[in-house]
């Protein structure tokens, strides 16, 4: 009886050594941002937000609203912004090209150009 019990324990121990633990769970990668949705920043630290067709720009230090408006996606890489500057009390149209997932190059209807970088 002791012999059978010993073999059973050895067999159980051997079997458990063959059973591997489940593979480690892989972390899902964060989804890549699509289009211009999200927060962008200019070289001066001013933050522009594109969200569901609305656009606004805020000062980085005070969070004061500087400009607001709407945007339209013209293609996967082009957007048009119609905005009102609350500082200058002017309206303008801006065309922006998404040159990479982290850079947006824009041209105002006045011809002025600027770039925005995606803010993580």
N, C-alpha and C. Protein backbone atom coordinates (compact mmCIF):
# COMPACT_ATOMS: atom_id res chain seq x y z
N UNK A 1 0.82 -1.19 0.00
CA UNK A 1 0.00 0.00 0.00
C UNK A 1 0.87 1.25 0.00
N UNK A 2 1.92 1.24 0.85
CA UNK A 2 2.82 2.38 0.88
C UNK A 2 3.51 2.56 -0.46
N UNK A 3 3.84 1.46 -1.12
CA UNK A 3 4.50 1.51 -2.40
C UNK A 3 3.60 2.14 -3.46
N UNK A 4 2.30 1.74 -3.45
CA UNK A 4 1.35 2.31 -4.40
C UNK A 4 1.18 3.81 -4.15
N UNK A 5 1.13 4.19 -2.88
CA UNK A 5 0.97 5.59 -2.52
C UNK A 5 2.18 6.39 -2.97
N UNK A 6 3.37 5.84 -2.82
CA UNK A 6 4.60 6.50 -3.23
C UNK A 6 4.64 6.71 -4.74
N UNK A 7 4.24 5.66 -5.50
CA UNK A 7 4.19 5.79 -6.96
C UNK A 7 3.17 6.84 -7.37
N UNK A 8 2.04 6.87 -6.68
CA UNK A 8 1.01 7.86 -7.01
C UNK A 8 1.53 9.28 -6.79
N UNK A 9 2.25 9.49 -5.70
CA UNK A 9 2.81 10.82 -5.42
C UNK A 9 3.86 11.19 -6.45
N UNK A 10 4.72 10.25 -6.81
CA UNK A 10 5.75 10.52 -7.81
C UNK A 10 5.11 10.81 -9.16
N UNK A 11 4.10 10.03 -9.52
CA UNK A 11 3.40 10.24 -10.79
C UNK A 11 2.73 11.62 -10.80
N UNK A 12 2.09 11.98 -9.70
CA UNK A 12 1.43 13.28 -9.63
C UNK A 12 2.44 14.41 -9.73
N UNK A 13 3.56 14.25 -9.05
CA UNK A 13 4.61 15.28 -9.10
C UNK A 13 5.18 15.38 -10.51
N UNK A 14 5.39 14.26 -11.17
CA UNK A 14 5.91 14.26 -12.53
C UNK A 14 4.94 14.92 -13.49
N UNK A 15 3.66 14.60 -13.31
CA UNK A 15 2.64 15.19 -14.17
C UNK A 15 2.56 16.70 -13.98
N UNK A 16 2.63 17.15 -12.75
CA UNK A 16 2.53 18.58 -12.51
C UNK A 16 3.73 19.32 -13.10
N UNK A 17 4.86 18.65 -13.19
CA UNK A 17 6.03 19.28 -13.79
C UNK A 17 5.86 19.45 -15.28
N UNK A 18 5.03 18.61 -15.92
CA UNK A 18 4.80 18.68 -17.36
C UNK A 18 3.77 19.73 -17.73
N UNK A 19 2.93 20.07 -16.78
CA UNK A 19 1.88 21.05 -17.07
C UNK A 19 2.50 22.43 -17.00
N UNK A 20 2.40 23.17 -18.09
CA UNK A 20 3.00 24.50 -18.09
C UNK A 20 2.00 25.53 -17.59
N UNK A 21 2.52 26.60 -17.08
CA UNK A 21 1.64 27.68 -16.65
C UNK A 21 1.12 28.39 -17.89
N UNK A 22 0.00 29.07 -17.78
CA UNK A 22 -0.54 29.76 -18.95
C UNK A 22 0.44 30.83 -19.42
N UNK A 23 0.44 31.09 -20.73
CA UNK A 23 1.36 32.11 -21.24
C UNK A 23 1.03 33.47 -20.64
N UNK A 24 2.03 34.32 -20.51
CA UNK A 24 1.76 35.65 -19.94
C UNK A 24 0.80 36.43 -20.84
N UNK A 25 -0.07 37.18 -20.21
CA UNK A 25 -1.02 37.97 -20.99
C UNK A 25 -0.29 39.12 -21.65
N UNK A 26 -0.62 39.34 -22.89
CA UNK A 26 0.01 40.45 -23.59
C UNK A 26 -0.82 41.70 -23.36
N UNK A 27 -0.13 42.78 -23.14
CA UNK A 27 -0.82 44.05 -22.94
C UNK A 27 -1.26 44.56 -24.32
N UNK A 28 -2.49 45.00 -24.38
CA UNK A 28 -2.99 45.56 -25.63
C UNK A 28 -2.32 46.91 -25.87
N UNK A 29 -1.87 47.10 -27.07
CA UNK A 29 -1.24 48.37 -27.42
C UNK A 29 -2.30 49.46 -27.46
N UNK A 30 -1.90 50.64 -27.05
CA UNK A 30 -2.84 51.76 -27.11
C UNK A 30 -3.21 52.00 -28.57
N UNK A 31 -4.48 52.25 -28.83
CA UNK A 31 -4.87 52.47 -30.22
C UNK A 31 -4.20 53.73 -30.77
N UNK A 32 -3.80 53.65 -32.02
CA UNK A 32 -3.20 54.81 -32.67
C UNK A 32 -4.29 55.85 -32.91
N UNK A 33 -3.96 57.11 -32.66
CA UNK A 33 -4.95 58.15 -32.90
C UNK A 33 -5.34 58.20 -34.37
N UNK A 34 -6.59 58.50 -34.62
CA UNK A 34 -7.09 58.59 -35.99
C UNK A 34 -7.33 60.05 -36.35
N UNK A 35 -6.87 60.46 -37.51
CA UNK A 35 -7.12 61.82 -37.96
C UNK A 35 -6.55 62.84 -37.00
N UNK A 36 -7.25 63.95 -36.86
CA UNK A 36 -6.77 65.05 -36.02
C UNK A 36 -7.38 65.06 -34.62
N UNK A 37 -8.29 64.14 -34.35
CA UNK A 37 -8.93 64.11 -33.03
C UNK A 37 -7.88 64.13 -31.92
N UNK A 38 -8.11 64.96 -30.92
CA UNK A 38 -7.21 65.01 -29.77
C UNK A 38 -6.62 66.38 -29.56
N UNK A 39 -5.57 66.40 -28.75
CA UNK A 39 -4.91 67.65 -28.37
C UNK A 39 -3.61 67.84 -29.14
N UNK A 40 -3.39 69.08 -29.56
CA UNK A 40 -2.20 69.45 -30.32
C UNK A 40 -1.60 70.69 -29.67
N UNK A 41 -0.31 70.89 -29.83
CA UNK A 41 0.35 72.04 -29.22
C UNK A 41 1.25 72.72 -30.26
N UNK A 42 1.30 74.06 -30.19
CA UNK A 42 2.17 74.79 -31.11
C UNK A 42 3.50 75.06 -30.39
N UNK A 43 4.50 75.59 -31.08
CA UNK A 43 5.81 75.83 -30.44
C UNK A 43 5.76 76.75 -29.23
N UNK A 44 4.71 77.57 -29.11
CA UNK A 44 4.57 78.47 -27.96
C UNK A 44 3.83 77.82 -26.80
N UNK A 45 3.42 76.57 -26.96
CA UNK A 45 2.72 75.86 -25.88
C UNK A 45 1.22 76.04 -25.89
N UNK A 46 0.68 76.72 -26.88
CA UNK A 46 -0.77 76.91 -26.97
C UNK A 46 -1.40 75.59 -27.41
N UNK A 47 -2.45 75.18 -26.71
CA UNK A 47 -3.06 73.87 -26.94
C UNK A 47 -4.33 74.00 -27.77
N UNK A 48 -4.38 73.26 -28.86
CA UNK A 48 -5.57 73.20 -29.72
C UNK A 48 -6.20 71.82 -29.57
N UNK A 49 -7.52 71.80 -29.46
CA UNK A 49 -8.24 70.54 -29.30
C UNK A 49 -9.22 70.36 -30.45
N UNK A 50 -9.17 69.19 -31.06
CA UNK A 50 -10.11 68.79 -32.10
C UNK A 50 -10.96 67.68 -31.51
N UNK A 51 -12.27 67.91 -31.44
CA UNK A 51 -13.13 66.89 -30.85
C UNK A 51 -14.50 66.91 -31.50
N UNK A 52 -14.81 65.85 -32.23
CA UNK A 52 -16.14 65.64 -32.83
C UNK A 52 -16.62 66.86 -33.62
N UNK A 53 -15.74 67.42 -34.44
CA UNK A 53 -16.13 68.54 -35.29
C UNK A 53 -15.99 69.91 -34.67
N UNK A 54 -15.62 69.98 -33.40
CA UNK A 54 -15.40 71.28 -32.77
C UNK A 54 -13.90 71.50 -32.54
N UNK A 55 -13.53 72.75 -32.56
CA UNK A 55 -12.13 73.14 -32.44
C UNK A 55 -12.03 74.25 -31.41
N UNK A 56 -11.03 74.18 -30.53
CA UNK A 56 -10.75 75.32 -29.66
C UNK A 56 -9.27 75.38 -29.35
N UNK A 57 -8.84 76.57 -29.02
CA UNK A 57 -7.44 76.82 -28.68
C UNK A 57 -7.42 77.52 -27.34
N UNK A 58 -6.56 77.03 -26.45
CA UNK A 58 -6.47 77.58 -25.10
C UNK A 58 -5.02 77.91 -24.75
N UNK A 59 -4.87 78.95 -23.93
CA UNK A 59 -3.55 79.31 -23.42
C UNK A 59 -3.09 78.22 -22.47
N UNK A 60 -1.82 77.85 -22.57
CA UNK A 60 -1.31 76.76 -21.73
C UNK A 60 -1.19 77.16 -20.26
N UNK A 61 -0.95 78.44 -19.99
CA UNK A 61 -0.76 78.86 -18.60
C UNK A 61 -2.06 79.12 -17.86
N UNK A 62 -3.01 79.79 -18.51
CA UNK A 62 -4.26 80.15 -17.82
C UNK A 62 -5.46 79.31 -18.25
N UNK A 63 -5.30 78.52 -19.31
CA UNK A 63 -6.39 77.73 -19.89
C UNK A 63 -7.50 78.62 -20.46
N UNK A 64 -7.19 79.91 -20.68
CA UNK A 64 -8.17 80.83 -21.25
C UNK A 64 -8.44 80.46 -22.70
N UNK A 65 -9.70 80.53 -23.10
CA UNK A 65 -10.09 80.23 -24.47
C UNK A 65 -9.63 81.36 -25.38
N UNK A 66 -8.83 81.03 -26.39
CA UNK A 66 -8.29 82.03 -27.31
C UNK A 66 -9.05 82.04 -28.64
N UNK A 67 -9.47 80.87 -29.08
CA UNK A 67 -10.20 80.75 -30.36
C UNK A 67 -11.09 79.52 -30.29
N UNK A 68 -12.17 79.57 -31.07
CA UNK A 68 -13.05 78.42 -31.14
C UNK A 68 -13.67 78.36 -32.53
N UNK A 69 -14.19 77.20 -32.86
CA UNK A 69 -14.82 77.05 -34.16
C UNK A 69 -15.15 75.61 -34.45
N UNK A 70 -15.21 75.30 -35.73
CA UNK A 70 -15.53 73.95 -36.17
C UNK A 70 -14.48 73.52 -37.19
N UNK A 71 -14.42 72.21 -37.40
CA UNK A 71 -13.54 71.71 -38.45
C UNK A 71 -14.26 70.63 -39.23
N UNK A 72 -13.83 70.52 -40.49
CA UNK A 72 -14.39 69.53 -41.41
C UNK A 72 -13.25 68.70 -41.97
N UNK A 73 -13.42 67.40 -41.95
CA UNK A 73 -12.42 66.52 -42.53
C UNK A 73 -12.67 66.46 -44.04
N UNK A 74 -11.70 66.91 -44.81
CA UNK A 74 -11.82 66.91 -46.27
C UNK A 74 -11.32 65.61 -46.88
N UNK A 75 -10.33 65.00 -46.23
CA UNK A 75 -9.77 63.72 -46.66
C UNK A 75 -9.09 63.13 -45.43
N UNK A 76 -8.56 61.92 -45.52
CA UNK A 76 -7.87 61.36 -44.35
C UNK A 76 -6.70 62.20 -43.86
N UNK A 77 -6.16 63.07 -44.72
CA UNK A 77 -5.00 63.87 -44.32
C UNK A 77 -5.23 65.38 -44.36
N UNK A 78 -6.44 65.82 -44.69
CA UNK A 78 -6.72 67.26 -44.79
C UNK A 78 -7.95 67.64 -43.97
N UNK A 79 -7.83 68.75 -43.22
CA UNK A 79 -8.97 69.30 -42.50
C UNK A 79 -9.05 70.79 -42.76
N UNK A 80 -10.27 71.30 -42.68
CA UNK A 80 -10.49 72.74 -42.82
C UNK A 80 -11.11 73.23 -41.52
N UNK A 81 -10.52 74.27 -40.95
CA UNK A 81 -11.00 74.85 -39.69
C UNK A 81 -11.62 76.21 -39.99
N UNK A 82 -12.81 76.44 -39.49
CA UNK A 82 -13.44 77.76 -39.51
C UNK A 82 -13.46 78.22 -38.07
N UNK A 83 -12.71 79.27 -37.77
CA UNK A 83 -12.58 79.66 -36.37
C UNK A 83 -12.73 81.15 -36.16
N UNK A 84 -13.05 81.48 -34.94
CA UNK A 84 -13.14 82.87 -34.50
C UNK A 84 -12.09 83.08 -33.42
N UNK A 85 -11.24 84.07 -33.64
CA UNK A 85 -10.25 84.43 -32.64
C UNK A 85 -10.93 85.33 -31.62
N UNK A 86 -10.95 84.92 -30.38
CA UNK A 86 -11.56 85.74 -29.33
C UNK A 86 -10.63 86.87 -28.92
N UNK A 87 -9.35 86.72 -29.24
CA UNK A 87 -8.36 87.75 -28.91
C UNK A 87 -8.43 88.89 -29.92
N UNK A 88 -8.41 88.53 -31.22
CA UNK A 88 -8.41 89.54 -32.29
C UNK A 88 -9.81 89.91 -32.76
N UNK A 89 -10.80 89.14 -32.36
CA UNK A 89 -12.20 89.36 -32.79
C UNK A 89 -12.32 89.25 -34.31
N UNK A 90 -11.63 88.22 -34.87
CA UNK A 90 -11.68 88.00 -36.32
C UNK A 90 -12.07 86.55 -36.60
N UNK A 91 -12.58 86.35 -37.80
CA UNK A 91 -12.88 85.00 -38.26
C UNK A 91 -11.89 84.64 -39.34
N UNK A 92 -11.51 83.37 -39.38
CA UNK A 92 -10.59 82.93 -40.43
C UNK A 92 -10.83 81.46 -40.76
N UNK A 93 -10.29 81.10 -41.91
CA UNK A 93 -10.33 79.72 -42.37
C UNK A 93 -8.89 79.22 -42.41
N UNK A 94 -8.69 78.01 -41.92
CA UNK A 94 -7.35 77.43 -41.86
C UNK A 94 -7.42 76.04 -42.49
N UNK A 95 -6.49 75.74 -43.40
CA UNK A 95 -6.38 74.41 -43.97
C UNK A 95 -5.17 73.73 -43.37
N UNK A 96 -5.37 72.49 -42.91
CA UNK A 96 -4.28 71.76 -42.26
C UNK A 96 -4.07 70.41 -42.92
N UNK A 97 -2.80 70.05 -43.07
CA UNK A 97 -2.42 68.75 -43.63
C UNK A 97 -1.80 67.90 -42.53
N UNK A 98 -2.33 66.72 -42.35
CA UNK A 98 -1.79 65.76 -41.40
C UNK A 98 -0.62 65.06 -42.09
N UNK A 99 0.60 65.53 -41.81
CA UNK A 99 1.77 64.98 -42.49
C UNK A 99 2.30 63.73 -41.81
N UNK A 100 1.94 63.53 -40.55
CA UNK A 100 2.23 62.30 -39.82
C UNK A 100 1.23 62.25 -38.66
N UNK A 101 1.22 61.15 -37.94
CA UNK A 101 0.29 61.05 -36.81
C UNK A 101 0.64 62.02 -35.69
N UNK A 102 1.81 62.65 -35.78
CA UNK A 102 2.21 63.58 -34.72
C UNK A 102 2.45 65.00 -35.20
N UNK A 103 2.23 65.28 -36.50
CA UNK A 103 2.47 66.64 -36.99
C UNK A 103 1.36 67.08 -37.94
N UNK A 104 0.89 68.30 -37.69
CA UNK A 104 -0.16 68.92 -38.49
C UNK A 104 0.39 70.26 -39.00
N UNK A 105 0.48 70.42 -40.33
CA UNK A 105 0.96 71.67 -40.92
C UNK A 105 -0.25 72.46 -41.42
N UNK A 106 -0.35 73.71 -41.00
CA UNK A 106 -1.54 74.51 -41.29
C UNK A 106 -1.19 75.82 -41.99
N UNK A 107 -2.14 76.27 -42.84
CA UNK A 107 -2.02 77.54 -43.53
C UNK A 107 -3.31 78.32 -43.34
N UNK A 108 -3.20 79.53 -42.79
CA UNK A 108 -4.36 80.39 -42.61
C UNK A 108 -4.73 81.02 -43.94
N UNK A 109 -5.98 81.49 -44.05
CA UNK A 109 -6.41 82.13 -45.30
C UNK A 109 -5.59 83.39 -45.59
N UNK A 110 -4.92 83.95 -44.59
CA UNK A 110 -4.05 85.11 -44.79
C UNK A 110 -2.69 84.72 -45.36
N UNK A 111 -2.41 83.40 -45.40
CA UNK A 111 -1.13 82.92 -45.90
C UNK A 111 -0.16 82.53 -44.79
N UNK A 112 -0.44 82.91 -43.57
CA UNK A 112 0.44 82.56 -42.44
C UNK A 112 0.43 81.05 -42.24
N UNK A 113 1.60 80.50 -41.93
CA UNK A 113 1.72 79.06 -41.73
C UNK A 113 2.20 78.75 -40.33
N UNK A 114 1.76 77.60 -39.80
CA UNK A 114 2.22 77.14 -38.50
C UNK A 114 2.07 75.63 -38.44
N UNK A 115 2.76 75.03 -37.50
CA UNK A 115 2.70 73.58 -37.29
C UNK A 115 2.26 73.28 -35.88
N UNK A 116 1.55 72.17 -35.75
CA UNK A 116 1.12 71.68 -34.45
C UNK A 116 1.68 70.27 -34.25
N UNK A 117 2.01 69.95 -33.02
CA UNK A 117 2.48 68.60 -32.68
C UNK A 117 1.46 67.94 -31.77
N UNK A 118 1.21 66.64 -32.02
CA UNK A 118 0.23 65.93 -31.20
C UNK A 118 0.74 65.86 -29.77
N UNK A 119 -0.17 66.11 -28.86
CA UNK A 119 0.14 66.07 -27.44
C UNK A 119 -0.35 64.75 -26.90
N UNK A 120 0.57 64.00 -26.27
CA UNK A 120 0.23 62.68 -25.75
C UNK A 120 -0.52 62.75 -24.53
